[in-house]
Amino acid sequence: MTNDTATERPAGKGAQQAKTAGLEDTMSKPGLANRAITAILNYAEKLNLTHSKVGNPCVYDNRVFPWAAEVEKEWHLIRAELDRVMVRKSELPGFHEISSEVRSISDDANWKTFLLCAYGIKSDEAIRSCPETWRIMQKVPGLKTAMFSIFEPGKHLPPHRGPYNGVLRLHVGLIVPEAAPDQLAIRVGDQVCHWQEGKALIFDDAFEHEAWNHTNQTRVVLFVDFVKPLRFPANIVNWVVLNMAVFTPFIREGYQAQKKWEKLFFGSGSHGRA
């Protein structure tokens, strides 16, 4: 999906905030370590804004990332694996049950997830369930997170921003109900975009964004985070931040929650690998 599917919104929401606003709840926990992490992220985010190789728009033209077209070509293989997962949709976890950082914006079962990897930590069982999806994901340079993101009817994520601007986000429409433009969409900064089955949408989730499904059908996208292309020295700082992230308390908590769910879904033999 390129920018021609986006429509303008009133000004005032189009600037990326140079602060880790998305981490306020998590990092409000007391302790020197959390304050140090916040300081490092603030420094890295400012560096990322001034050293981007691809600019800092809220929504990207897909031609900036030639691999996006390669992913689109094989989207039907991803959809086939998703269909098998959806047979057990009722058993999938709410995103807030896995990731504590989203609880301030979503605390119900209407946003479900099926994770293949998160922050570089892989789920062997999920990957075995969706081998073609995982193969196709290897086309994405700097892949950090990949999952199926399932919005049930009526779901609306309020305005928020991601925790860190060192990654960009890819959505590929997999199940997209036919709907009026105002019924099913995502706003990123000042642009409103609409998912299409088999089409990619690439955006920077460090901009304020919100998403909604006001239809009576389920919407599913492939949700991917990948490393933002940066110049030196930001690329080095970003590498350190992203690789250190797996040791932070909220990601380790999420890892444990994911492993607990996998044991229920796949059986006691499930495990992850970094």
Protein backbone atom coordinates (compact mmCIF):
# COMPACT_ATOMS: atom_id res chain seq x y z
CA MET A 1 0.00 0.00 0.00
CA THR A 2 1.47 3.31 -1.04
CA ASN A 3 0.65 6.83 -0.03
CA ASP A 4 -2.11 7.14 -2.62
CA THR A 5 -4.38 5.22 -0.24
CA ALA A 6 -3.89 7.78 2.51
CA THR A 7 -6.03 10.84 3.09
CA GLU A 8 -5.05 14.00 4.89
CA ARG A 9 -6.16 14.81 8.41
CA PRO A 10 -6.16 18.22 10.09
CA ALA A 11 -2.69 19.39 11.05
CA GLY A 12 -1.33 18.91 14.53
CA LYS A 13 -0.69 15.17 14.72
CA GLY A 14 1.94 14.81 12.00
CA ALA A 15 5.12 15.40 13.97
CA GLN A 16 6.96 12.54 15.61
CA GLN A 17 7.52 13.21 19.28
CA ALA A 18 11.20 13.03 20.22
CA LYS A 19 10.49 11.23 23.48
CA THR A 20 9.60 7.74 24.59
CA ALA A 21 5.98 8.55 25.37
CA GLY A 22 4.95 5.01 24.61
CA LEU A 23 6.97 3.80 27.57
CA GLU A 24 5.63 6.15 30.21
CA ASP A 25 3.50 3.55 32.01
CA THR A 26 6.14 0.85 31.91
CA MET A 27 9.07 3.05 32.79
CA SER A 28 7.25 4.83 35.59
CA LYS A 29 8.29 1.95 37.81
CA PRO A 30 10.79 3.15 40.44
CA GLY A 31 14.45 2.33 40.17
CA LEU A 32 17.70 3.62 38.76
CA ALA A 33 17.73 1.01 35.99
CA ASN A 34 14.41 2.14 34.53
CA ARG A 35 15.47 5.79 34.62
CA ALA A 36 18.72 4.88 32.87
CA ILE A 37 16.86 2.95 30.17
CA THR A 38 14.56 5.90 29.56
CA ALA A 39 17.52 8.29 29.24
CA ILE A 40 19.24 6.00 26.74
CA LEU A 41 16.08 5.66 24.66
CA ASN A 42 15.53 9.41 24.59
CA TYR A 43 19.09 9.91 23.32
CA ALA A 44 18.78 7.16 20.72
CA GLU A 45 15.44 8.46 19.43
CA LYS A 46 16.85 11.93 18.80
CA LEU A 47 19.81 10.39 16.99
CA ASN A 48 17.54 8.21 14.86
CA LEU A 49 15.54 11.23 13.69
CA THR A 50 18.65 13.01 12.41
CA HIS A 51 20.40 9.98 10.87
CA SER A 52 17.63 8.22 8.95
CA LYS A 53 18.52 6.88 5.50
CA VAL A 54 14.85 6.88 4.48
CA GLY A 55 13.59 10.14 5.96
CA ASN A 56 11.00 10.38 8.70
CA PRO A 57 7.53 10.34 7.12
CA CYS A 58 4.66 8.86 9.06
CA VAL A 59 3.71 6.60 6.12
CA TYR A 60 6.21 5.36 3.53
CA ASP A 61 5.89 4.82 -0.18
CA ASN A 62 6.44 1.08 -0.59
CA ARG A 63 8.96 1.73 -3.36
CA VAL A 64 11.42 2.85 -0.68
CA PHE A 65 11.58 -0.81 0.37
CA PRO A 66 11.76 -3.02 -2.77
CA TRP A 67 11.41 -6.20 -0.70
CA ALA A 68 7.80 -5.21 0.12
CA ALA A 69 6.72 -6.20 -3.39
CA GLU A 70 8.35 -9.61 -2.92
CA VAL A 71 6.33 -10.15 0.26
CA GLU A 72 3.12 -9.11 -1.50
CA LYS A 73 3.70 -11.63 -4.30
CA GLU A 74 3.44 -14.52 -1.83
CA TRP A 75 0.77 -13.17 0.47
CA HIS A 76 -1.66 -15.97 -0.43
CA LEU A 77 0.72 -18.50 1.16
CA ILE A 78 0.64 -16.50 4.38
CA ARG A 79 -3.15 -16.32 4.19
CA ALA A 80 -3.39 -20.11 3.84
CA GLU A 81 -1.39 -20.59 7.04
CA LEU A 82 -3.41 -17.93 8.81
CA ASP A 83 -6.61 -19.77 7.91
CA ARG A 84 -5.34 -22.83 9.77
CA VAL A 85 -4.49 -20.72 12.82
CA MET A 86 -7.92 -19.07 12.76
CA VAL A 87 -9.63 -22.42 13.27
CA ARG A 88 -8.43 -22.09 16.88
CA LYS A 89 -9.00 -18.34 17.15
CA SER A 90 -10.84 -18.65 20.45
CA GLU A 91 -7.67 -20.06 22.02
CA LEU A 92 -5.43 -17.19 20.94
CA PRO A 93 -4.36 -14.69 23.60
CA GLY A 94 -5.34 -11.06 23.80
CA PHE A 95 -2.31 -8.93 22.97
CA HIS A 96 -2.44 -7.38 26.45
CA GLU A 97 -2.02 -10.84 27.95
CA ILE A 98 1.38 -11.13 26.28
CA SER A 99 2.63 -7.53 26.20
CA SER A 100 2.16 -5.39 29.30
CA GLU A 101 3.03 -2.23 27.37
CA VAL A 102 -0.31 -2.29 25.50
CA ARG A 103 -2.55 -2.64 28.55
CA SER A 104 -3.10 1.12 28.74
CA ILE A 105 -4.70 1.05 25.25
CA SER A 106 -6.20 -2.46 25.06
CA ASP A 107 -7.34 -4.74 27.87
CA ASP A 108 -9.94 -6.96 26.19
CA ALA A 109 -9.97 -10.07 24.01
CA ASN A 110 -10.87 -8.15 20.85
CA TRP A 111 -7.21 -7.71 19.84
CA LYS A 112 -5.71 -11.16 19.54
CA THR A 113 -2.26 -12.19 18.42
CA PHE A 114 -0.30 -15.16 17.12
CA LEU A 115 3.42 -14.45 17.53
CA LEU A 116 6.15 -15.95 15.39
CA CYS A 117 8.83 -13.78 16.93
CA ALA A 118 9.06 -10.68 19.09
CA TYR A 119 12.11 -8.48 19.67
CA GLY A 120 14.15 -11.13 17.86
CA ILE A 121 13.00 -13.96 20.16
CA LYS A 122 11.52 -16.75 18.05
CA SER A 123 8.71 -19.19 18.77
CA ASP A 124 9.79 -22.53 17.33
CA GLU A 125 6.30 -24.01 17.56
CA ALA A 126 4.60 -21.06 15.87
CA ILE A 127 7.23 -21.07 13.12
CA ARG A 128 6.70 -24.80 12.57
CA SER A 129 2.98 -24.10 12.26
CA CYS A 130 3.57 -21.38 9.65
CA PRO A 131 6.76 -22.31 7.75
CA GLU A 132 5.89 -20.43 4.57
CA THR A 133 5.11 -17.26 6.49
CA TRP A 134 8.45 -17.52 8.26
CA ARG A 135 10.29 -18.17 4.98
CA ILE A 136 8.71 -15.09 3.43
CA MET A 137 9.60 -13.03 6.50
CA GLN A 138 13.27 -13.65 5.76
CA LYS A 139 12.85 -11.21 2.87
CA VAL A 140 12.47 -8.40 5.43
CA PRO A 141 15.89 -6.96 6.36
CA GLY A 142 16.34 -6.44 10.08
CA LEU A 143 13.24 -8.41 11.07
CA LYS A 144 12.51 -8.04 14.80
CA THR A 145 8.83 -8.93 15.29
CA ALA A 146 6.31 -10.89 13.21
CA MET A 147 2.79 -11.90 14.18
CA PHE A 148 -0.81 -12.15 13.05
CA SER A 149 -2.74 -9.19 14.47
CA ILE A 150 -6.46 -9.92 14.80
CA PHE A 151 -9.01 -7.13 15.29
CA GLU A 152 -12.45 -8.38 16.22
CA PRO A 153 -15.59 -6.42 15.23
CA GLY A 154 -15.92 -3.16 17.12
CA LYS A 155 -12.27 -2.94 18.18
CA HIS A 156 -10.82 0.57 18.36
CA LEU A 157 -7.28 1.28 19.54
CA PRO A 158 -7.11 4.85 20.88
CA PRO A 159 -4.36 7.28 19.85
CA HIS A 160 -0.94 6.13 21.05
CA ARG A 161 2.64 5.79 19.88
CA GLY A 162 5.13 2.95 19.87
CA PRO A 163 7.84 2.61 22.49
CA TYR A 164 10.84 3.36 20.25
CA ASN A 165 11.54 4.87 16.83
CA GLY A 166 14.42 2.56 15.89
CA VAL A 167 12.04 0.23 14.05
CA LEU A 168 9.44 0.66 11.32
CA ARG A 169 6.21 -1.28 10.98
CA LEU A 170 4.82 -3.32 8.12
CA HIS A 171 1.21 -4.44 7.83
CA VAL A 172 0.11 -6.85 5.11
CA GLY A 173 -3.65 -7.19 4.76
CA LEU A 174 -4.72 -10.84 5.09
CA ILE A 175 -8.42 -10.71 6.01
CA VAL A 176 -9.91 -7.30 5.27
CA PRO A 177 -13.71 -6.91 5.30
CA GLU A 178 -15.33 -4.73 2.68
CA ALA A 179 -16.27 -1.53 4.47
CA ALA A 180 -16.90 2.16 4.11
CA PRO A 181 -13.65 4.14 4.48
CA ASP A 182 -14.56 5.44 7.93
CA GLN A 183 -15.45 1.98 9.26
CA LEU A 184 -12.09 0.23 8.93
CA ALA A 185 -8.82 2.13 8.91
CA ILE A 186 -5.62 3.19 10.65
CA ARG A 187 -4.55 6.78 11.20
CA VAL A 188 -0.82 7.47 11.40
CA GLY A 189 0.08 11.06 12.11
CA ASP A 190 -2.08 13.12 9.75
CA GLN A 191 -2.81 10.30 7.30
CA VAL A 192 -5.64 7.78 7.28
CA CYS A 193 -4.81 4.53 5.49
CA HIS A 194 -6.94 1.56 4.53
CA TRP A 195 -5.78 -2.03 4.50
CA GLN A 196 -6.13 -4.12 1.36
CA GLU A 197 -5.75 -7.87 1.13
CA GLY A 198 -2.33 -8.76 -0.22
CA LYS A 199 -1.03 -5.19 0.01
CA ALA A 200 1.69 -3.81 2.25
CA LEU A 201 1.47 -0.70 4.40
CA ILE A 202 4.72 0.59 5.92
CA PHE A 203 4.65 3.27 8.60
CA ASP A 204 6.49 4.64 11.61
CA ASP A 205 4.63 3.73 14.77
CA ALA A 206 6.56 6.36 16.72
CA PHE A 207 4.01 8.79 15.28
CA GLU A 208 0.71 8.99 17.07
CA HIS A 209 -1.61 6.42 15.54
CA GLU A 210 -4.94 4.75 16.12
CA ALA A 211 -6.78 1.92 14.40
CA TRP A 212 -10.37 0.76 14.28
CA ASN A 213 -12.63 -2.00 12.99
CA HIS A 214 -16.21 -0.76 13.15
CA THR A 215 -17.47 -3.56 10.91
CA ASN A 216 -19.19 -6.78 11.94
CA GLN A 217 -16.33 -8.95 10.66
CA THR A 218 -12.80 -9.81 11.80
CA ARG A 219 -9.79 -8.01 10.33
CA VAL A 220 -6.35 -9.68 10.28
CA VAL A 221 -3.00 -8.30 9.17
CA LEU A 222 0.53 -9.62 9.23
CA PHE A 223 2.21 -7.27 11.72
CA VAL A 224 5.98 -6.86 11.36
CA ASP A 225 8.59 -4.62 12.95
CA PHE A 226 11.96 -4.22 11.21
CA VAL A 227 15.06 -2.17 11.92
CA LYS A 228 14.93 1.37 10.54
CA PRO A 229 17.77 2.04 8.06
CA LEU A 230 20.12 4.54 9.75
CA ARG A 231 23.48 6.16 9.13
CA PHE A 232 26.47 5.92 11.43
CA PRO A 233 26.63 6.35 14.40
CA ALA A 234 22.85 5.97 14.91
CA ASN A 235 22.89 2.50 13.37
CA ILE A 236 25.36 1.32 16.02
CA VAL A 237 23.45 2.91 18.90
CA ASN A 238 20.21 1.45 17.53
CA TRP A 239 21.74 -2.03 17.31
CA VAL A 240 22.77 -1.81 20.95
CA VAL A 241 19.35 -0.56 22.07
CA LEU A 242 17.43 -3.24 20.17
CA ASN A 243 19.67 -6.05 21.36
CA MET A 244 19.61 -4.84 24.96
CA ALA A 245 15.81 -4.56 24.87
CA VAL A 246 15.36 -8.29 25.44
CA PHE A 247 16.85 -7.89 28.90
CA THR A 248 14.38 -5.22 30.05
CA PRO A 249 11.79 -6.32 32.63
CA PHE A 250 8.68 -5.74 30.51
CA ILE A 251 10.03 -7.76 27.58
CA ARG A 252 11.16 -10.60 29.83
CA GLU A 253 7.69 -10.58 31.42
CA GLY A 254 6.16 -10.77 27.96
CA TYR A 255 8.46 -13.64 27.03
CA GLN A 256 7.33 -15.62 30.06
CA ALA A 257 3.67 -14.91 29.28
CA GLN A 258 4.16 -16.07 25.69
CA LYS A 259 5.86 -19.29 26.81
CA LYS A 260 3.04 -20.02 29.24
CA TRP A 261 0.46 -19.57 26.50
CA GLU A 262 2.45 -21.71 24.04
CA LYS A 263 2.43 -24.62 26.47
CA LEU A 264 -1.35 -24.47 26.56
CA PHE A 265 -1.73 -24.07 22.80
CA PHE A 266 1.01 -26.35 21.44
CA GLY A 267 1.70 -28.63 24.39
CA SER A 268 4.51 -28.87 26.93
CA GLY A 269 7.23 -29.26 24.29
CA SER A 270 7.14 -25.64 23.12
CA HIS A 271 10.17 -23.43 23.53
CA GLY A 272 11.66 -20.29 22.06
CA ARG A 273 15.07 -19.39 20.78
CA ALA A 274 16.82 -16.09 20.22
